[in-house]
Amino acid sequence: MIKITDKARNKISALREEEGHSNSHNVRVAVRGGGCSGLMYDLEFDSQIKDGDQVYEDQGVKILVDKRSLLYLLGTTLDFTDGLNGKGFQFINPNASRTCGCGESFSV
């Protein structure tokens, strides 16, 4: 399961509206190779549910995850921060053994 904080839900709703997406556009969360720690998070809006996708819903937001990424993301919480030290989505991932300083890449 992937959870979403109130702040992340609010930012997703605002971005969905800003970018002209309807509520049928879900949030796709994926893991890709790259970054300084070896793996990177990828977020995008997607209206297609693909074969093999796991679909979760939290805080009224549907989250799509492909099978390969799911292994790295189970138990993750998606948050949004807008503090002095940076602004953006933050992944609180219990599976990550190491995270880079920018918070966008990790390793297991």
N, C-alpha and C. Protein backbone atom coordinates (compact mmCIF):
# COMPACT_ATOMS: atom_id res chain seq x y z
N MET A 1 0.83 -1.19 0.00
CA MET A 1 0.00 0.00 0.00
C MET A 1 0.87 1.25 0.00
N ILE A 2 0.44 2.26 -0.67
CA ILE A 2 1.09 3.56 -0.68
C ILE A 2 0.12 4.57 -0.09
N LYS A 3 0.62 5.37 0.83
CA LYS A 3 -0.22 6.36 1.50
C LYS A 3 0.13 7.76 1.01
N ILE A 4 -0.82 8.68 1.18
CA ILE A 4 -0.64 10.07 0.78
C ILE A 4 -1.02 10.96 1.95
N THR A 5 -0.17 11.93 2.27
CA THR A 5 -0.49 12.86 3.34
C THR A 5 -1.48 13.91 2.84
N ASP A 6 -2.05 14.65 3.77
CA ASP A 6 -2.97 15.74 3.41
C ASP A 6 -2.31 16.76 2.51
N LYS A 7 -1.07 17.14 2.84
CA LYS A 7 -0.35 18.13 2.02
C LYS A 7 -0.14 17.63 0.59
N ALA A 8 0.21 16.36 0.45
CA ALA A 8 0.42 15.79 -0.89
C ALA A 8 -0.90 15.75 -1.66
N ARG A 9 -1.97 15.35 -0.99
CA ARG A 9 -3.28 15.32 -1.64
C ARG A 9 -3.68 16.71 -2.14
N ASN A 10 -3.48 17.71 -1.30
CA ASN A 10 -3.84 19.08 -1.69
C ASN A 10 -3.01 19.55 -2.88
N LYS A 11 -1.72 19.24 -2.89
CA LYS A 11 -0.85 19.66 -4.01
C LYS A 11 -1.22 18.90 -5.28
N ILE A 12 -1.53 17.63 -5.17
CA ILE A 12 -1.95 16.84 -6.34
C ILE A 12 -3.22 17.44 -6.93
N SER A 13 -4.18 17.79 -6.08
CA SER A 13 -5.43 18.40 -6.56
C SER A 13 -5.15 19.72 -7.26
N ALA A 14 -4.29 20.54 -6.67
CA ALA A 14 -3.96 21.83 -7.28
C ALA A 14 -3.25 21.65 -8.62
N LEU A 15 -2.30 20.73 -8.69
CA LEU A 15 -1.58 20.48 -9.95
C LEU A 15 -2.50 19.91 -11.02
N ARG A 16 -3.38 19.02 -10.61
CA ARG A 16 -4.34 18.43 -11.55
C ARG A 16 -5.16 19.55 -12.20
N GLU A 17 -5.61 20.48 -11.39
CA GLU A 17 -6.40 21.60 -11.90
C GLU A 17 -5.55 22.54 -12.76
N GLU A 18 -4.35 22.90 -12.29
CA GLU A 18 -3.46 23.79 -13.03
C GLU A 18 -3.12 23.24 -14.42
N GLU A 19 -2.91 21.93 -14.49
CA GLU A 19 -2.51 21.29 -15.75
C GLU A 19 -3.70 20.89 -16.61
N GLY A 20 -4.91 21.15 -16.13
CA GLY A 20 -6.11 20.87 -16.92
C GLY A 20 -6.51 19.41 -16.99
N HIS A 21 -6.08 18.63 -16.01
CA HIS A 21 -6.45 17.21 -15.96
C HIS A 21 -7.77 17.05 -15.24
N SER A 22 -8.54 16.06 -15.65
CA SER A 22 -9.79 15.76 -14.96
C SER A 22 -9.49 14.81 -13.80
N ASN A 23 -10.50 14.52 -13.01
CA ASN A 23 -10.32 13.58 -11.90
C ASN A 23 -10.07 12.16 -12.38
N SER A 24 -10.25 11.91 -13.68
CA SER A 24 -9.96 10.57 -14.21
C SER A 24 -8.45 10.36 -14.40
N HIS A 25 -7.68 11.42 -14.23
CA HIS A 25 -6.22 11.29 -14.29
C HIS A 25 -5.72 10.92 -12.90
N ASN A 26 -5.19 9.71 -12.81
CA ASN A 26 -4.67 9.19 -11.56
C ASN A 26 -3.20 9.57 -11.43
N VAL A 27 -2.62 9.27 -10.29
CA VAL A 27 -1.20 9.52 -10.06
C VAL A 27 -0.45 8.22 -10.26
N ARG A 28 0.49 8.22 -11.19
CA ARG A 28 1.35 7.06 -11.41
C ARG A 28 2.66 7.29 -10.69
N VAL A 29 3.01 6.33 -9.82
CA VAL A 29 4.27 6.38 -9.09
C VAL A 29 5.11 5.22 -9.59
N ALA A 30 6.35 5.51 -9.98
CA ALA A 30 7.22 4.46 -10.51
C ALA A 30 8.64 4.65 -10.00
N VAL A 31 9.44 3.62 -10.14
CA VAL A 31 10.85 3.66 -9.81
C VAL A 31 11.62 3.38 -11.09
N ARG A 32 12.61 4.22 -11.37
CA ARG A 32 13.44 4.08 -12.57
C ARG A 32 14.91 4.04 -12.14
N GLY A 33 15.73 3.45 -12.96
CA GLY A 33 17.17 3.46 -12.71
C GLY A 33 17.72 4.86 -12.93
N GLY A 34 18.69 5.27 -12.09
CA GLY A 34 19.34 6.56 -12.27
C GLY A 34 19.53 7.28 -10.95
N GLY A 35 19.98 8.50 -11.05
CA GLY A 35 20.22 9.30 -9.85
C GLY A 35 21.52 8.91 -9.18
N CYS A 36 21.90 9.68 -8.20
CA CYS A 36 23.19 9.44 -7.55
C CYS A 36 23.17 8.22 -6.62
N SER A 37 22.00 7.72 -6.27
CA SER A 37 21.92 6.53 -5.40
C SER A 37 21.51 5.27 -6.16
N GLY A 38 21.21 5.38 -7.45
CA GLY A 38 20.93 4.20 -8.26
C GLY A 38 19.49 4.06 -8.72
N LEU A 39 18.53 4.53 -7.94
CA LEU A 39 17.11 4.46 -8.30
C LEU A 39 16.47 5.81 -8.09
N MET A 40 15.52 6.15 -8.96
CA MET A 40 14.83 7.44 -8.86
C MET A 40 13.32 7.23 -8.84
N TYR A 41 12.63 8.12 -8.15
CA TYR A 41 11.18 8.13 -8.15
C TYR A 41 10.68 8.89 -9.37
N ASP A 42 9.53 8.46 -9.89
CA ASP A 42 8.92 9.12 -11.03
C ASP A 42 7.43 9.29 -10.73
N LEU A 43 6.94 10.50 -10.86
CA LEU A 43 5.53 10.82 -10.63
C LEU A 43 4.95 11.46 -11.88
N GLU A 44 3.75 11.04 -12.25
CA GLU A 44 3.07 11.68 -13.37
C GLU A 44 1.58 11.39 -13.28
N PHE A 45 0.79 12.21 -13.99
CA PHE A 45 -0.63 11.94 -14.11
C PHE A 45 -0.84 10.96 -15.25
N ASP A 46 -1.76 10.03 -15.08
CA ASP A 46 -2.02 9.01 -16.10
C ASP A 46 -3.49 8.60 -16.04
N SER A 47 -4.14 8.64 -17.19
CA SER A 47 -5.56 8.25 -17.23
C SER A 47 -5.73 6.78 -17.60
N GLN A 48 -4.63 6.10 -17.93
CA GLN A 48 -4.69 4.70 -18.34
C GLN A 48 -4.24 3.77 -17.21
N ILE A 49 -5.04 2.76 -16.95
CA ILE A 49 -4.62 1.70 -16.04
C ILE A 49 -4.13 0.56 -16.93
N LYS A 50 -2.85 0.23 -16.78
CA LYS A 50 -2.21 -0.78 -17.64
C LYS A 50 -2.31 -2.16 -17.02
N ASP A 51 -2.21 -3.19 -17.87
CA ASP A 51 -2.19 -4.56 -17.37
C ASP A 51 -1.06 -4.71 -16.36
N GLY A 52 -1.35 -5.31 -15.24
CA GLY A 52 -0.34 -5.53 -14.21
C GLY A 52 -0.21 -4.41 -13.20
N ASP A 53 -0.89 -3.29 -13.43
CA ASP A 53 -0.83 -2.20 -12.46
C ASP A 53 -1.54 -2.59 -11.18
N GLN A 54 -0.99 -2.16 -10.08
CA GLN A 54 -1.68 -2.22 -8.80
C GLN A 54 -2.33 -0.85 -8.61
N VAL A 55 -3.56 -0.82 -8.16
CA VAL A 55 -4.27 0.43 -7.96
C VAL A 55 -4.60 0.57 -6.48
N TYR A 56 -4.12 1.66 -5.90
CA TYR A 56 -4.40 1.97 -4.50
C TYR A 56 -5.17 3.27 -4.45
N GLU A 57 -5.91 3.48 -3.39
CA GLU A 57 -6.58 4.75 -3.20
C GLU A 57 -6.40 5.18 -1.76
N ASP A 58 -5.94 6.42 -1.59
CA ASP A 58 -5.78 6.99 -0.27
C ASP A 58 -6.10 8.47 -0.36
N GLN A 59 -6.82 8.99 0.60
CA GLN A 59 -7.19 10.40 0.64
C GLN A 59 -7.96 10.82 -0.62
N GLY A 60 -8.66 9.87 -1.25
CA GLY A 60 -9.42 10.18 -2.45
C GLY A 60 -8.60 10.25 -3.72
N VAL A 61 -7.32 9.86 -3.66
CA VAL A 61 -6.43 9.88 -4.82
C VAL A 61 -6.12 8.45 -5.22
N LYS A 62 -6.35 8.12 -6.49
CA LYS A 62 -5.97 6.80 -6.99
C LYS A 62 -4.51 6.83 -7.41
N ILE A 63 -3.78 5.80 -6.97
CA ILE A 63 -2.35 5.69 -7.22
C ILE A 63 -2.12 4.42 -8.03
N LEU A 64 -1.44 4.56 -9.16
CA LEU A 64 -1.12 3.44 -10.03
C LEU A 64 0.36 3.10 -9.88
N VAL A 65 0.65 1.81 -9.73
CA VAL A 65 2.03 1.36 -9.58
C VAL A 65 2.23 0.11 -10.42
N ASP A 66 3.27 0.08 -11.26
CA ASP A 66 3.56 -1.12 -12.04
C ASP A 66 4.20 -2.17 -11.12
N LYS A 67 4.16 -3.44 -11.55
CA LYS A 67 4.63 -4.55 -10.70
C LYS A 67 6.07 -4.41 -10.26
N ARG A 68 6.94 -3.99 -11.18
CA ARG A 68 8.37 -3.89 -10.85
C ARG A 68 8.60 -2.82 -9.78
N SER A 69 7.95 -1.69 -9.93
CA SER A 69 8.13 -0.60 -8.97
C SER A 69 7.55 -0.92 -7.61
N LEU A 70 6.50 -1.72 -7.60
CA LEU A 70 5.81 -2.04 -6.35
C LEU A 70 6.75 -2.65 -5.32
N LEU A 71 7.70 -3.45 -5.76
CA LEU A 71 8.66 -4.08 -4.84
C LEU A 71 9.44 -3.04 -4.03
N TYR A 72 9.72 -1.90 -4.66
CA TYR A 72 10.49 -0.85 -4.01
C TYR A 72 9.62 0.12 -3.21
N LEU A 73 8.32 0.15 -3.49
CA LEU A 73 7.45 1.20 -2.95
C LEU A 73 6.49 0.76 -1.85
N LEU A 74 6.39 -0.52 -1.58
CA LEU A 74 5.44 -0.98 -0.55
C LEU A 74 5.71 -0.28 0.78
N GLY A 75 4.66 0.27 1.35
CA GLY A 75 4.78 0.93 2.63
C GLY A 75 5.21 2.39 2.56
N THR A 76 5.38 2.91 1.35
CA THR A 76 5.85 4.28 1.17
C THR A 76 4.72 5.28 1.41
N THR A 77 5.07 6.42 1.96
CA THR A 77 4.15 7.54 2.12
C THR A 77 4.63 8.68 1.24
N LEU A 78 3.73 9.25 0.46
CA LEU A 78 4.04 10.39 -0.39
C LEU A 78 3.61 11.65 0.36
N ASP A 79 4.56 12.58 0.54
CA ASP A 79 4.30 13.82 1.25
C ASP A 79 4.69 14.98 0.35
N PHE A 80 4.31 16.18 0.74
CA PHE A 80 4.72 17.39 0.03
C PHE A 80 5.24 18.38 1.04
N THR A 81 6.40 18.95 0.76
CA THR A 81 6.98 19.94 1.65
C THR A 81 7.18 21.24 0.89
N ASP A 82 6.97 22.35 1.59
CA ASP A 82 7.18 23.64 0.97
C ASP A 82 7.92 24.57 1.93
N GLY A 83 8.86 23.96 2.66
CA GLY A 83 9.62 24.71 3.66
C GLY A 83 10.82 25.42 3.08
N LEU A 84 11.60 26.01 3.96
CA LEU A 84 12.78 26.77 3.57
C LEU A 84 13.85 25.90 2.91
N ASN A 85 13.91 24.63 3.27
CA ASN A 85 14.95 23.75 2.74
C ASN A 85 14.58 23.12 1.40
N GLY A 86 13.47 23.48 0.84
CA GLY A 86 13.09 22.92 -0.44
C GLY A 86 11.60 22.76 -0.56
N LYS A 87 11.20 22.56 -1.79
CA LYS A 87 9.78 22.45 -2.09
C LYS A 87 9.60 21.28 -3.05
N GLY A 88 8.66 20.41 -2.76
CA GLY A 88 8.38 19.33 -3.67
C GLY A 88 7.85 18.11 -2.97
N PHE A 89 7.59 17.10 -3.78
CA PHE A 89 7.10 15.83 -3.24
C PHE A 89 8.25 15.09 -2.59
N GLN A 90 7.94 14.42 -1.51
CA GLN A 90 8.93 13.69 -0.74
C GLN A 90 8.41 12.28 -0.51
N PHE A 91 9.27 11.30 -0.72
CA PHE A 91 8.91 9.90 -0.51
C PHE A 91 9.50 9.43 0.81
N ILE A 92 8.63 8.97 1.69
CA ILE A 92 9.07 8.38 2.95
C ILE A 92 8.99 6.87 2.74
N ASN A 93 10.13 6.30 2.39
CA ASN A 93 10.18 4.92 1.93
C ASN A 93 10.93 4.04 2.93
N PRO A 94 10.22 3.13 3.61
CA PRO A 94 10.88 2.27 4.59
C PRO A 94 11.81 1.24 3.95
N ASN A 95 11.72 1.06 2.64
CA ASN A 95 12.57 0.09 1.94
C ASN A 95 13.92 0.67 1.54
N ALA A 96 14.06 1.98 1.57
CA ALA A 96 15.30 2.63 1.14
C ALA A 96 16.37 2.50 2.22
N SER A 97 17.52 1.96 1.85
CA SER A 97 18.62 1.85 2.81
C SER A 97 19.49 3.09 2.77
N ARG A 98 19.42 3.83 1.65
CA ARG A 98 20.20 5.05 1.50
C ARG A 98 19.43 6.00 0.59
N THR A 99 19.43 7.28 0.94
CA THR A 99 18.76 8.30 0.14
C THR A 99 19.76 9.41 -0.11
N CYS A 100 19.73 9.97 -1.32
CA CYS A 100 20.65 11.08 -1.62
C CYS A 100 20.17 12.35 -0.95
N GLY A 101 20.99 13.36 -0.95
CA GLY A 101 20.68 14.63 -0.30
C GLY A 101 19.47 15.33 -0.87
N CYS A 102 19.24 15.18 -2.19
CA CYS A 102 18.10 15.86 -2.81
C CYS A 102 16.79 15.12 -2.55
N GLY A 103 16.87 13.86 -2.13
CA GLY A 103 15.67 13.08 -1.82
C GLY A 103 14.99 12.49 -3.03
N GLU A 104 15.59 12.64 -4.21
CA GLU A 104 14.98 12.14 -5.43
C GLU A 104 15.50 10.77 -5.84
N SER A 105 16.57 10.32 -5.23
CA SER A 105 17.06 8.99 -5.57
C SER A 105 17.38 8.22 -4.29
N PHE A 106 17.42 6.89 -4.44
CA PHE A 106 17.61 6.03 -3.27
C PHE A 106 18.21 4.70 -3.71
N SER A 107 18.58 3.90 -2.74
CA SER A 107 19.02 2.53 -3.00
C SER A 107 18.42 1.63 -1.94
N VAL A 108 18.38 0.34 -2.24
CA VAL A 108 17.83 -0.63 -1.29
C VAL A 108 18.89 -1.65 -0.94
